[in-house]
Amino acid sequence: MEEQKQTPPPIIDQLKEYAETQIKLAKYEAIDRSSKFLSSFIVDVVIAVAFVLTFLFLSLAVAFVLSIWLGSYWAGFGCMAGIYLLIAIIIILAKDKIQKPMVDAFIKKFFQ
């Protein structure tokens, strides 16, 4: 008797090809998501730095204006320090109300 060479049914080949395609698709989706997240993160950092610098220079400008109005530098900069202290106290008191929406926004951005 001759041994017959058995070939796998065509469905097996199609399933293997399908599995390979799904793996490639998963890799490409992971690359796409991570690149979108990273680029979005970099843009957000640049925007945050721009806002911080703007805030810093506006704070200095307001402190100098208050110094002129009050007649002394220590009074103008002291008023700005008081304003920052007031803002810090408000943020500390409202921490829970501020923190939850921020966490939700970060999670939403990560899973976009």
PDB file of N, CA and C in Angstrom:
ATOM      1  N   MET A   1       0.823  -1.185   0.000  1.00  0.00           N
ATOM      2  CA  MET A   1       0.000   0.000   0.000  1.00  0.00           C
ATOM      3  C   MET A   1       0.867   1.247   0.000  1.00  0.00           C
ATOM      4  N   GLU A   2       0.447   2.161  -0.743  1.00  0.00           N
ATOM      5  CA  GLU A   2       1.188   3.415  -0.809  1.00  0.00           C
ATOM      6  C   GLU A   2       0.671   4.371   0.269  1.00  0.00           C
ATOM      7  N   GLU A   3       1.630   5.035   0.845  1.00  0.00           N
ATOM      8  CA  GLU A   3       1.230   6.036   1.835  1.00  0.00           C
ATOM      9  C   GLU A   3       0.776   7.279   1.101  1.00  0.00           C
ATOM     10  N   GLN A   4      -0.362   7.743   1.459  1.00  0.00           N
ATOM     11  CA  GLN A   4      -0.862   8.945   0.827  1.00  0.00           C
ATOM     12  C   GLN A   4      -0.474  10.155   1.690  1.00  0.00           C
ATOM     13  N   LYS A   5       0.011  11.132   1.011  1.00  0.00           N
ATOM     14  CA  LYS A   5       0.378  12.365   1.713  1.00  0.00           C
ATOM     15  C   LYS A   5      -0.909  13.141   1.990  1.00  0.00           C
ATOM     16  N   GLN A   6      -1.134  13.369   3.271  1.00  0.00           N
ATOM     17  CA  GLN A   6      -2.361  14.063   3.636  1.00  0.00           C
ATOM     18  C   GLN A   6      -2.098  15.567   3.661  1.00  0.00           C
ATOM     19  N   THR A   7      -2.946  16.283   3.012  1.00  0.00           N
ATOM     20  CA  THR A   7      -2.861  17.738   3.043  1.00  0.00           C
ATOM     21  C   THR A   7      -3.955  18.246   3.970  1.00  0.00           C
ATOM     22  N   PRO A   8      -3.614  19.296   4.718  1.00  0.00           N
ATOM     23  CA  PRO A   8      -4.624  19.816   5.620  1.00  0.00           C
ATOM     24  C   PRO A   8      -5.791  20.393   4.813  1.00  0.00           C
ATOM     25  N   PRO A   9      -6.960  20.308   5.345  1.00  0.00           N
ATOM     26  CA  PRO A   9      -8.107  20.867   4.633  1.00  0.00           C
ATOM     27  C   PRO A   9      -7.934  22.372   4.462  1.00  0.00           C
ATOM     28  N   PRO A  10      -8.515  22.930   3.430  1.00  0.00           N
ATOM     29  CA  PRO A  10      -8.350  24.364   3.166  1.00  0.00           C
ATOM     30  C   PRO A  10      -8.836  25.237   4.325  1.00  0.00           C
ATOM     31  N   ILE A  11      -9.759  24.764   5.096  1.00  0.00           N
ATOM     32  CA  ILE A  11     -10.268  25.562   6.219  1.00  0.00           C
ATOM     33  C   ILE A  11      -9.184  25.816   7.256  1.00  0.00           C
ATOM     34  N   ILE A  12      -8.272  24.855   7.459  1.00  0.00           N
ATOM     35  CA  ILE A  12      -7.169  25.020   8.414  1.00  0.00           C
ATOM     36  C   ILE A  12      -6.250  26.135   7.943  1.00  0.00           C
ATOM     37  N   ASP A  13      -5.937  26.149   6.673  1.00  0.00           N
ATOM     38  CA  ASP A  13      -5.088  27.213   6.131  1.00  0.00           C
ATOM     39  C   ASP A  13      -5.768  28.570   6.283  1.00  0.00           C
ATOM     40  N   GLN A  14      -7.048  28.620   6.045  1.00  0.00           N
ATOM     41  CA  GLN A  14      -7.775  29.883   6.178  1.00  0.00           C
ATOM     42  C   GLN A  14      -7.809  30.348   7.638  1.00  0.00           C
ATOM     43  N   LEU A  15      -7.960  29.411   8.541  1.00  0.00           N
ATOM     44  CA  LEU A  15      -7.956  29.777   9.962  1.00  0.00           C
ATOM     45  C   LEU A  15      -6.597  30.298  10.407  1.00  0.00           C
ATOM     46  N   LYS A  16      -5.523  29.656   9.913  1.00  0.00           N
ATOM     47  CA  LYS A  16      -4.179  30.139  10.240  1.00  0.00           C
ATOM     48  C   LYS A  16      -3.970  31.540   9.690  1.00  0.00           C
ATOM     49  N   GLU A  17      -4.383  31.769   8.465  1.00  0.00           N
ATOM     50  CA  GLU A  17      -4.233  33.087   7.849  1.00  0.00           C
ATOM     51  C   GLU A  17      -5.066  34.124   8.614  1.00  0.00           C
ATOM     52  N   TYR A  18      -6.265  33.729   9.012  1.00  0.00           N
ATOM     53  CA  TYR A  18      -7.126  34.623   9.785  1.00  0.00           C
ATOM     54  C   TYR A  18      -6.475  34.990  11.118  1.00  0.00           C
ATOM     55  N   ALA A  19      -5.905  34.009  11.801  1.00  0.00           N
ATOM     56  CA  ALA A  19      -5.245  34.264  13.085  1.00  0.00           C
ATOM     57  C   ALA A  19      -4.054  35.194  12.903  1.00  0.00           C
ATOM     58  N   GLU A  20      -3.261  34.977  11.862  1.00  0.00           N
ATOM     59  CA  GLU A  20      -2.116  35.858  11.606  1.00  0.00           C
ATOM     60  C   GLU A  20      -2.578  37.274  11.296  1.00  0.00           C
ATOM     61  N   THR A  21      -3.645  37.387  10.539  1.00  0.00           N
ATOM     62  CA  THR A  21      -4.180  38.709  10.215  1.00  0.00           C
ATOM     63  C   THR A  21      -4.687  39.414  11.470  1.00  0.00           C
ATOM     64  N   GLN A  22      -5.339  38.665  12.354  1.00  0.00           N
ATOM     65  CA  GLN A  22      -5.841  39.261  13.596  1.00  0.00           C
ATOM     66  C   GLN A  22      -4.689  39.721  14.485  1.00  0.00           C
ATOM     67  N   ILE A  23      -3.617  38.972  14.527  1.00  0.00           N
ATOM     68  CA  ILE A  23      -2.445  39.356  15.322  1.00  0.00           C
ATOM     69  C   ILE A  23      -1.831  40.632  14.767  1.00  0.00           C
ATOM     70  N   LYS A  24      -1.692  40.692  13.429  1.00  0.00           N
ATOM     71  CA  LYS A  24      -1.153  41.906  12.806  1.00  0.00           C
ATOM     72  C   LYS A  24      -2.057  43.098  13.091  1.00  0.00           C
ATOM     73  N   LEU A  25      -3.360  42.884  12.982  1.00  0.00           N
ATOM     74  CA  LEU A  25      -4.308  43.963  13.242  1.00  0.00           C
ATOM     75  C   LEU A  25      -4.191  44.454  14.687  1.00  0.00           C
ATOM     76  N   ALA A  26      -4.059  43.549  15.635  1.00  0.00           N
ATOM     77  CA  ALA A  26      -3.910  43.931  17.045  1.00  0.00           C
ATOM     78  C   ALA A  26      -2.635  44.743  17.260  1.00  0.00           C
ATOM     79  N   LYS A  27      -1.548  44.318  16.591  1.00  0.00           N
ATOM     80  CA  LYS A  27      -0.288  45.066  16.704  1.00  0.00           C
ATOM     81  C   LYS A  27      -0.448  46.472  16.144  1.00  0.00           C
ATOM     82  N   TYR A  28      -1.071  46.579  14.973  1.00  0.00           N
ATOM     83  CA  TYR A  28      -1.244  47.896  14.352  1.00  0.00           C
ATOM     84  C   TYR A  28      -2.166  48.788  15.179  1.00  0.00           C
ATOM     85  N   GLU A  29      -3.199  48.211  15.764  1.00  0.00           N
ATOM     86  CA  GLU A  29      -4.077  49.005  16.621  1.00  0.00           C
ATOM     87  C   GLU A  29      -3.348  49.475  17.872  1.00  0.00           C
ATOM     88  N   ALA A  30      -2.494  48.632  18.438  1.00  0.00           N
ATOM     89  CA  ALA A  30      -1.714  49.030  19.614  1.00  0.00           C
ATOM     90  C   ALA A  30      -0.750  50.158  19.262  1.00  0.00           C
ATOM     91  N   ILE A  31      -0.110  50.036  18.105  1.00  0.00           N
ATOM     92  CA  ILE A  31       0.800  51.096  17.663  1.00  0.00           C
ATOM     93  C   ILE A  31       0.035  52.391  17.445  1.00  0.00           C
ATOM     94  N   ASP A  32      -1.136  52.296  16.814  1.00  0.00           N
ATOM     95  CA  ASP A  32      -1.950  53.481  16.551  1.00  0.00           C
ATOM     96  C   ASP A  32      -2.380  54.154  17.850  1.00  0.00           C
ATOM     97  N   ARG A  33      -2.881  53.364  18.792  1.00  0.00           N
ATOM     98  CA  ARG A  33      -3.318  53.931  20.071  1.00  0.00           C
ATOM     99  C   ARG A  33      -2.172  54.563  20.844  1.00  0.00           C
ATOM    100  N   SER A  34      -1.050  53.866  20.900  1.00  0.00           N
ATOM    101  CA  SER A  34       0.072  54.405  21.673  1.00  0.00           C
ATOM    102  C   SER A  34       0.635  55.661  21.023  1.00  0.00           C
ATOM    103  N   SER A  35       0.689  55.705  19.702  1.00  0.00           N
ATOM    104  CA  SER A  35       1.211  56.904  19.043  1.00  0.00           C
ATOM    105  C   SER A  35       0.247  58.076  19.215  1.00  0.00           C
ATOM    106  N   LYS A  36      -1.064  57.816  19.152  1.00  0.00           N
ATOM    107  CA  LYS A  36      -2.028  58.891  19.393  1.00  0.00           C
ATOM    108  C   LYS A  36      -1.918  59.399  20.820  1.00  0.00           C
ATOM    109  N   PHE A  37      -1.789  58.478  21.777  1.00  0.00           N
ATOM    110  CA  PHE A  37      -1.675  58.877  23.179  1.00  0.00           C
ATOM    111  C   PHE A  37      -0.410  59.690  23.410  1.00  0.00           C
ATOM    112  N   LEU A  38       0.703  59.229  22.864  1.00  0.00           N
ATOM    113  CA  LEU A  38       1.973  59.928  23.067  1.00  0.00           C
ATOM    114  C   LEU A  38       1.951  61.310  22.432  1.00  0.00           C
ATOM    115  N   SER A  39       1.434  61.411  21.201  1.00  0.00           N
ATOM    116  CA  SER A  39       1.393  62.717  20.551  1.00  0.00           C
ATOM    117  C   SER A  39       0.443  63.654  21.292  1.00  0.00           C
ATOM    118  N   SER A  40      -0.675  63.141  21.758  1.00  0.00           N
ATOM    119  CA  SER A  40      -1.603  63.959  22.520  1.00  0.00           C
ATOM    120  C   SER A  40      -0.974  64.417  23.834  1.00  0.00           C
ATOM    121  N   PHE A  41      -0.226  63.525  24.474  1.00  0.00           N
ATOM    122  CA  PHE A  41       0.455  63.866  25.722  1.00  0.00           C
ATOM    123  C   PHE A  41       1.488  64.969  25.497  1.00  0.00           C
ATOM    124  N   ILE A  42       2.255  64.865  24.421  1.00  0.00           N
ATOM    125  CA  ILE A  42       3.285  65.871  24.133  1.00  0.00           C
ATOM    126  C   ILE A  42       2.634  67.228  23.873  1.00  0.00           C
ATOM    127  N   VAL A  43       1.551  67.238  23.092  1.00  0.00           N
ATOM    128  CA  VAL A  43       0.857  68.496  22.820  1.00  0.00           C
ATOM    129  C   VAL A  43       0.302  69.081  24.109  1.00  0.00           C
ATOM    130  N   ASP A  44      -0.272  68.246  24.965  1.00  0.00           N
ATOM    131  CA  ASP A  44      -0.808  68.731  26.242  1.00  0.00           C
ATOM    132  C   ASP A  44       0.290  69.300  27.135  1.00  0.00           C
ATOM    133  N   VAL A  45       1.463  68.686  27.135  1.00  0.00           N
ATOM    134  CA  VAL A  45       2.580  69.200  27.935  1.00  0.00           C
ATOM    135  C   VAL A  45       3.030  70.562  27.413  1.00  0.00           C
ATOM    136  N   VAL A  46       3.124  70.701  26.095  1.00  0.00           N
ATOM    137  CA  VAL A  46       3.527  71.986  25.510  1.00  0.00           C
ATOM    138  C   VAL A  46       2.505  73.068  25.850  1.00  0.00           C
ATOM    139  N   ILE A  47       1.226  72.728  25.755  1.00  0.00           N
ATOM    140  CA  ILE A  47       0.179  73.701  26.105  1.00  0.00           C
ATOM    141  C   ILE A  47       0.266  74.064  27.583  1.00  0.00           C
ATOM    142  N   ALA A  48       0.480  73.068  28.441  1.00  0.00           N
ATOM    143  CA  ALA A  48       0.588  73.343  29.876  1.00  0.00           C
ATOM    144  C   ALA A  48       1.779  74.251  30.178  1.00  0.00           C
ATOM    145  N   VAL A  49       2.903  74.009  29.540  1.00  0.00           N
ATOM    146  CA  VAL A  49       4.084  74.859  29.750  1.00  0.00           C
ATOM    147  C   VAL A  49       3.788  76.286  29.298  1.00  0.00           C
ATOM    148  N   ALA A  50       3.109  76.421  28.154  1.00  0.00           N
ATOM    149  CA  ALA A  50       2.757  77.756  27.673  1.00  0.00           C
ATOM    150  C   ALA A  50       1.837  78.471  28.662  1.00  0.00           C
ATOM    151  N   PHE A  51       0.854  77.750  29.210  1.00  0.00           N
ATOM    152  CA  PHE A  51      -0.031  78.362  30.195  1.00  0.00           C
ATOM    153  C   PHE A  51       0.716  78.728  31.471  1.00  0.00           C
ATOM    154  N   VAL A  52       1.621  77.892  31.913  1.00  0.00           N
ATOM    155  CA  VAL A  52       2.386  78.184  33.136  1.00  0.00           C
ATOM    156  C   VAL A  52       3.248  79.432  32.932  1.00  0.00           C
ATOM    157  N   LEU A  53       3.904  79.514  31.791  1.00  0.00           N
ATOM    158  CA  LEU A  53       4.718  80.701  31.528  1.00  0.00           C
ATOM    159  C   LEU A  53       3.860  81.953  31.433  1.00  0.00           C
ATOM    160  N   THR A  54       2.715  81.849  30.772  1.00  0.00           N
ATOM    161  CA  THR A  54       1.802  82.987  30.680  1.00  0.00           C
ATOM    162  C   THR A  54       1.343  83.406  32.075  1.00  0.00           C
ATOM    163  N   PHE A  55       0.969  82.429  32.890  1.00  0.00           N
ATOM    164  CA  PHE A  55       0.530  82.711  34.253  1.00  0.00           C
ATOM    165  C   PHE A  55       1.639  83.369  35.067  1.00  0.00           C
ATOM    166  N   LEU A  56       2.855  82.881  34.905  1.00  0.00           N
ATOM    167  CA  LEU A  56       3.983  83.435  35.645  1.00  0.00           C
ATOM    168  C   LEU A  56       4.213  84.906  35.286  1.00  0.00           C
ATOM    169  N   PHE A  57       4.256  85.196  33.992  1.00  0.00           N
ATOM    170  CA  PHE A  57       4.532  86.575  33.589  1.00  0.00           C
ATOM    171  C   PHE A  57       3.362  87.512  33.888  1.00  0.00           C
ATOM    172  N   LEU A  58       2.130  87.006  33.786  1.00  0.00           N
ATOM    173  CA  LEU A  58       0.994  87.832  34.180  1.00  0.00           C
ATOM    174  C   LEU A  58       1.012  88.094  35.683  1.00  0.00           C
ATOM    175  N   SER A  59       1.427  87.113  36.460  1.00  0.00           N
ATOM    176  CA  SER A  59       1.530  87.304  37.904  1.00  0.00           C
ATOM    177  C   SER A  59       2.561  88.372  38.244  1.00  0.00           C
ATOM    178  N   LEU A  60       3.681  88.312  37.572  1.00  0.00           N
ATOM    179  CA  LEU A  60       4.707  89.346  37.798  1.00  0.00           C
ATOM    180  C   LEU A  60       4.188  90.728  37.406  1.00  0.00           C
ATOM    181  N   ALA A  61       3.474  90.790  36.278  1.00  0.00           N
ATOM    182  CA  ALA A  61       2.932  92.079  35.841  1.00  0.00           C
ATOM    183  C   ALA A  61       1.932  92.620  36.858  1.00  0.00           C
ATOM    184  N   VAL A  62       1.044  91.768  37.338  1.00  0.00           N
ATOM    185  CA  VAL A  62       0.064  92.211  38.332  1.00  0.00           C
ATOM    186  C   VAL A  62       0.760  92.624  39.621  1.00  0.00           C
ATOM    187  N   ALA A  63       1.791  91.882  40.017  1.00  0.00           N
ATOM    188  CA  ALA A  63       2.524  92.236  41.239  1.00  0.00           C
ATOM    189  C   ALA A  63       3.178  93.603  41.095  1.00  0.00           C
ATOM    190  N   PHE A  64       3.740  93.883  39.935  1.00  0.00           N
ATOM    191  CA  PHE A  64       4.353  95.202  39.739  1.00  0.00           C
ATOM    192  C   PHE A  64       3.296  96.304  39.688  1.00  0.00           C
ATOM    193  N   VAL A  65       2.147  96.037  39.080  1.00  0.00           N
ATOM    194  CA  VAL A  65       1.074  97.032  39.062  1.00  0.00           C
ATOM    195  C   VAL A  65       0.586  97.303  40.475  1.00  0.00           C
ATOM    196  N   LEU A  66       0.392  96.226  41.254  1.00  0.00           N
ATOM    197  CA  LEU A  66      -0.014  96.430  42.656  1.00  0.00           C
ATOM    198  C   LEU A  66       1.055  97.181  43.432  1.00  0.00           C
ATOM    199  N   SER A  67       2.310  96.923  43.126  1.00  0.00           N
ATOM    200  CA  SER A  67       3.402  97.639  43.800  1.00  0.00           C
ATOM    201  C   SER A  67       3.334  99.130  43.509  1.00  0.00           C
ATOM    202  N   ILE A  68       3.020  99.460  42.267  1.00  0.00           N
ATOM    203  CA  ILE A  68       2.910 100.884  41.915  1.00  0.00           C
ATOM    204  C   ILE A  68       1.715 101.506  42.638  1.00  0.00           C
ATOM    205  N   TRP A  69       0.570 100.813  42.639  1.00  0.00           N
ATOM    206  CA  TRP A  69      -0.628 101.356  43.283  1.00  0.00           C
ATOM    207  C   TRP A  69      -0.456 101.483  44.790  1.00  0.00           C
ATOM    208  N   LEU A  70       0.218 100.517  45.399  1.00  0.00           N
ATOM    209  CA  LEU A  70       0.375 100.530  46.856  1.00  0.00           C
ATOM    210  C   LEU A  70       1.612 101.290  47.309  1.00  0.00           C
ATOM    211  N   GLY A  71       2.489 101.610  46.402  1.00  0.00           N
ATOM    212  CA  GLY A  71       3.638 102.434  46.732  1.00  0.00           C
ATOM    213  C   GLY A  71       4.853 101.682  47.233  1.00  0.00           C
ATOM    214  N   SER A  72       4.819 100.351  47.277  1.00  0.00           N
ATOM    215  CA  SER A  72       6.005  99.602  47.692  1.00  0.00           C
ATOM    216  C   SER A  72       5.965  98.205  47.072  1.00  0.00           C
ATOM    217  N   TYR A  73       7.170  97.728  46.777  1.00  0.00           N
ATOM    218  CA  TYR A  73       7.265  96.408  46.155  1.00  0.00           C
ATOM    219  C   TYR A  73       6.795  95.298  47.079  1.00  0.00           C
ATOM    220  N   TRP A  74       7.180  95.388  48.341  1.00  0.00           N
ATOM    221  CA  TRP A  74       6.802  94.291  49.244  1.00  0.00           C
ATOM    222  C   TRP A  74       5.297  94.187  49.385  1.00  0.00           C
ATOM    223  N   ALA A  75       4.570  95.291  49.341  1.00  0.00           N
ATOM    224  CA  ALA A  75       3.114  95.265  49.464  1.00  0.00           C
ATOM    225  C   ALA A  75       2.479  94.644  48.215  1.00  0.00           C
ATOM    226  N   GLY A  76       2.980  95.010  47.044  1.00  0.00           N
ATOM    227  CA  GLY A  76       2.435  94.457  45.799  1.00  0.00           C
ATOM    228  C   GLY A  76       2.664  92.960  45.694  1.00  0.00           C
ATOM    229  N   PHE A  77       3.897  92.537  45.955  1.00  0.00           N
ATOM    230  CA  PHE A  77       4.200  91.107  45.879  1.00  0.00           C
ATOM    231  C   PHE A  77       3.566  90.349  47.051  1.00  0.00           C
ATOM    232  N   GLY A  78       3.399  91.009  48.189  1.00  0.00           N
ATOM    233  CA  GLY A  78       2.711  90.394  49.316  1.00  0.00           C
ATOM    234  C   GLY A  78       1.234  90.148  48.994  1.00  0.00           C
ATOM    235  N   CYS A  79       0.604  91.097  48.315  1.00  0.00           N
ATOM    236  CA  CYS A  79      -0.788  90.892  47.891  1.00  0.00           C
ATOM    237  C   CYS A  79      -0.902  89.717  46.932  1.00  0.00           C
ATOM    238  N   MET A  80       0.046  89.594  46.011  1.00  0.00           N
ATOM    239  CA  MET A  80       0.030  88.453  45.079  1.00  0.00           C
ATOM    240  C   MET A  80       0.217  87.151  45.846  1.00  0.00           C
ATOM    241  N   ALA A  81       1.087  87.148  46.837  1.00  0.00           N
ATOM    242  CA  ALA A  81       1.269  85.944  47.652  1.00  0.00           C
ATOM    243  C   ALA A  81      -0.028  85.609  48.384  1.00  0.00           C
ATOM    244  N   GLY A  82      -0.726  86.617  48.874  1.00  0.00           N
ATOM    245  CA  GLY A  82      -2.010  86.396  49.530  1.00  0.00           C
ATOM    246  C   GLY A  82      -3.052  85.831  48.571  1.00  0.00           C
ATOM    247  N   ILE A  83      -3.054  86.325  47.349  1.00  0.00           N
ATOM    248  CA  ILE A  83      -3.981  85.805  46.339  1.00  0.00           C
ATOM    249  C   ILE A  83      -3.673  84.328  46.069  1.00  0.00           C
ATOM    250  N   TYR A  84      -2.394  83.996  45.940  1.00  0.00           N
ATOM    251  CA  TYR A  84      -2.014  82.590  45.715  1.00  0.00           C
ATOM    252  C   TYR A  84      -2.371  81.713  46.911  1.00  0.00           C
ATOM    253  N   LEU A  85      -2.213  82.247  48.101  1.00  0.00           N
ATOM    254  CA  LEU A  85      -2.594  81.499  49.297  1.00  0.00           C
ATOM    255  C   LEU A  85      -4.094  81.232  49.311  1.00  0.00           C
ATOM    256  N   LEU A  86      -4.878  82.228  48.933  1.00  0.00           N
ATOM    257  CA  LEU A  86      -6.324  82.066  48.858  1.00  0.00           C
ATOM    258  C   LEU A  86      -6.707  81.017  47.814  1.00  0.00           C
ATOM    259  N   ILE A  87      -6.056  81.060  46.656  1.00  0.00           N
ATOM    260  CA  ILE A  87      -6.316  80.064  45.606  1.00  0.00           C
ATOM    261  C   ILE A  87      -5.951  78.666  46.101  1.00  0.00           C
ATOM    262  N   ALA A  88      -4.821  78.531  46.786  1.00  0.00           N
ATOM    263  CA  ALA A  88      -4.389  77.227  47.297  1.00  0.00           C
ATOM    264  C   ALA A  88      -5.390  76.679  48.316  1.00  0.00           C
ATOM    265  N   ILE A  89      -5.896  77.530  49.179  1.00  0.00           N
ATOM    266  CA  ILE A  89      -6.876  77.088  50.181  1.00  0.00           C
ATOM    267  C   ILE A  89      -8.164  76.632  49.496  1.00  0.00           C
ATOM    268  N   ILE A  90      -8.611  77.372  48.491  1.00  0.00           N
ATOM    269  CA  ILE A  90      -9.823  76.987  47.756  1.00  0.00           C
ATOM    270  C   ILE A  90      -9.620  75.640  47.072  1.00  0.00           C
ATOM    271  N   ILE A  91      -8.455  75.443  46.473  1.00  0.00           N
ATOM    272  CA  ILE A  91      -8.176  74.167  45.793  1.00  0.00           C
ATOM    273  C   ILE A  91      -8.119  73.021  46.799  1.00  0.00           C
ATOM    274  N   ILE A  92      -7.512  73.250  47.949  1.00  0.00           N
ATOM    275  CA  ILE A  92      -7.444  72.202  48.979  1.00  0.00           C
ATOM    276  C   ILE A  92      -8.846  71.820  49.450  1.00  0.00           C
ATOM    277  N   LEU A  93      -9.707  72.816  49.636  1.00  0.00           N
ATOM    278  CA  LEU A  93     -11.066  72.541  50.104  1.00  0.00           C
ATOM    279  C   LEU A  93     -11.914  71.835  49.037  1.00  0.00           C
ATOM    280  N   ALA A  94     -11.650  72.138  47.765  1.00  0.00           N
ATOM    281  CA  ALA A  94     -12.436  71.554  46.672  1.00  0.00           C
ATOM    282  C   ALA A  94     -11.688  70.433  45.958  1.00  0.00           C
ATOM    283  N   LYS A  95     -10.724  69.844  46.639  1.00  0.00           N
ATOM    284  CA  LYS A  95      -9.855  68.839  46.011  1.00  0.00           C
ATOM    285  C   LYS A  95     -10.641  67.676  45.418  1.00  0.00           C
ATOM    286  N   ASP A  96     -11.590  67.132  46.163  1.00  0.00           N
ATOM    287  CA  ASP A  96     -12.346  65.977  45.687  1.00  0.00           C
ATOM    288  C   ASP A  96     -13.195  66.323  44.464  1.00  0.00           C
ATOM    289  N   LYS A  97     -13.778  67.516  44.457  1.00  0.00           N
ATOM    290  CA  LYS A  97     -14.608  67.937  43.325  1.00  0.00           C
ATOM    291  C   LYS A  97     -13.769  68.192  42.078  1.00  0.00           C
ATOM    292  N   ILE A  98     -12.515  68.555  42.260  1.00  0.00           N
ATOM    293  CA  ILE A  98     -11.626  68.832  41.133  1.00  0.00           C
ATOM    294  C   ILE A  98     -10.955  67.556  40.650  1.00  0.00           C
ATOM    295  N   GLN A  99     -10.589  66.686  41.575  1.00  0.00           N
ATOM    296  CA  GLN A  99      -9.786  65.506  41.239  1.00  0.00           C
ATOM    297  C   GLN A  99     -10.555  64.485  40.400  1.00  0.00           C
ATOM    298  N   LYS A 100     -11.802  64.207  40.729  1.00  0.00           N
ATOM    299  CA  LYS A 100     -12.562  63.174  40.020  1.00  0.00           C
ATOM    300  C   LYS A 100     -12.743  63.509  38.536  1.00  0.00           C
ATOM    301  N   PRO A 101     -13.156  64.717  38.164  1.00  0.00           N
ATOM    302  CA  PRO A 101     -13.274  65.011  36.727  1.00  0.00           C
ATOM    303  C   PRO A 101     -11.931  64.935  35.987  1.00  0.00           C
ATOM    304  N   MET A 102     -10.852  65.291  36.678  1.00  0.00           N
ATOM    305  CA  MET A 102      -9.540  65.204  36.037  1.00  0.00           C
ATOM    306  C   MET A 102      -9.159  63.750  35.777  1.00  0.00           C
ATOM    307  N   VAL A 103      -9.397  62.877  36.749  1.00  0.00           N
ATOM    308  CA  VAL A 103      -9.101  61.452  36.575  1.00  0.00           C
ATOM    309  C   VAL A 103      -9.943  60.886  35.436  1.00  0.00           C
ATOM    310  N   ASP A 104     -11.229  61.254  35.399  1.00  0.00           N
ATOM    311  CA  ASP A 104     -12.102  60.790  34.324  1.00  0.00           C
ATOM    312  C   ASP A 104     -11.611  61.259  32.957  1.00  0.00           C
ATOM    313  N   ALA A 105     -11.155  62.506  32.889  1.00  0.00           N
ATOM    314  CA  ALA A 105     -10.656  63.036  31.614  1.00  0.00           C
ATOM    315  C   ALA A 105      -9.399  62.304  31.169  1.00  0.00           C
ATOM    316  N   PHE A 106      -8.486  62.010  32.106  1.00  0.00           N
ATOM    317  CA  PHE A 106      -7.273  61.275  31.751  1.00  0.00           C
ATOM    318  C   PHE A 106      -7.598  59.865  31.268  1.00  0.00           C
ATOM    319  N   ILE A 107      -8.528  59.208  31.947  1.00  0.00           N
ATOM    320  CA  ILE A 107      -8.908  57.846  31.539  1.00  0.00           C
ATOM    321  C   ILE A 107      -9.565  57.876  30.167  1.00  0.00           C
ATOM    322  N   LYS A 108     -10.452  58.851  29.932  1.00  0.00           N
ATOM    323  CA  LYS A 108     -11.112  58.958  28.637  1.00  0.00           C
ATOM    324  C   LYS A 108     -10.086  59.204  27.526  1.00  0.00           C
ATOM    325  N   LYS A 109      -9.117  60.066  27.796  1.00  0.00           N
ATOM    326  CA  LYS A 109      -8.092  60.379  26.801  1.00  0.00           C
ATOM    327  C   LYS A 109      -7.232  59.148  26.513  1.00  0.00           C
ATOM    328  N   PHE A 110      -6.929  58.364  27.542  1.00  0.00           N
ATOM    329  CA  PHE A 110      -6.101  57.172  27.365  1.00  0.00           C
ATOM    330  C   PHE A 110      -6.803  56.114  26.517  1.00  0.00           C
ATOM    331  N   PHE A 111      -8.121  55.967  26.690  1.00  0.00           N
ATOM    332  CA  PHE A 111      -8.843  54.920  25.985  1.00  0.00           C
ATOM    333  C   PHE A 111      -9.511  55.412  24.707  1.00  0.00           C
ATOM    334  N   GLN A 112      -9.193  56.608  24.249  1.00  0.00           N
ATOM    335  CA  GLN A 112      -9.739  57.110  22.978  1.00  0.00           C
ATOM    336  C   GLN A 112      -9.222  56.331  21.827  1.00  0.00           C
TER     337      GLN A 112
END
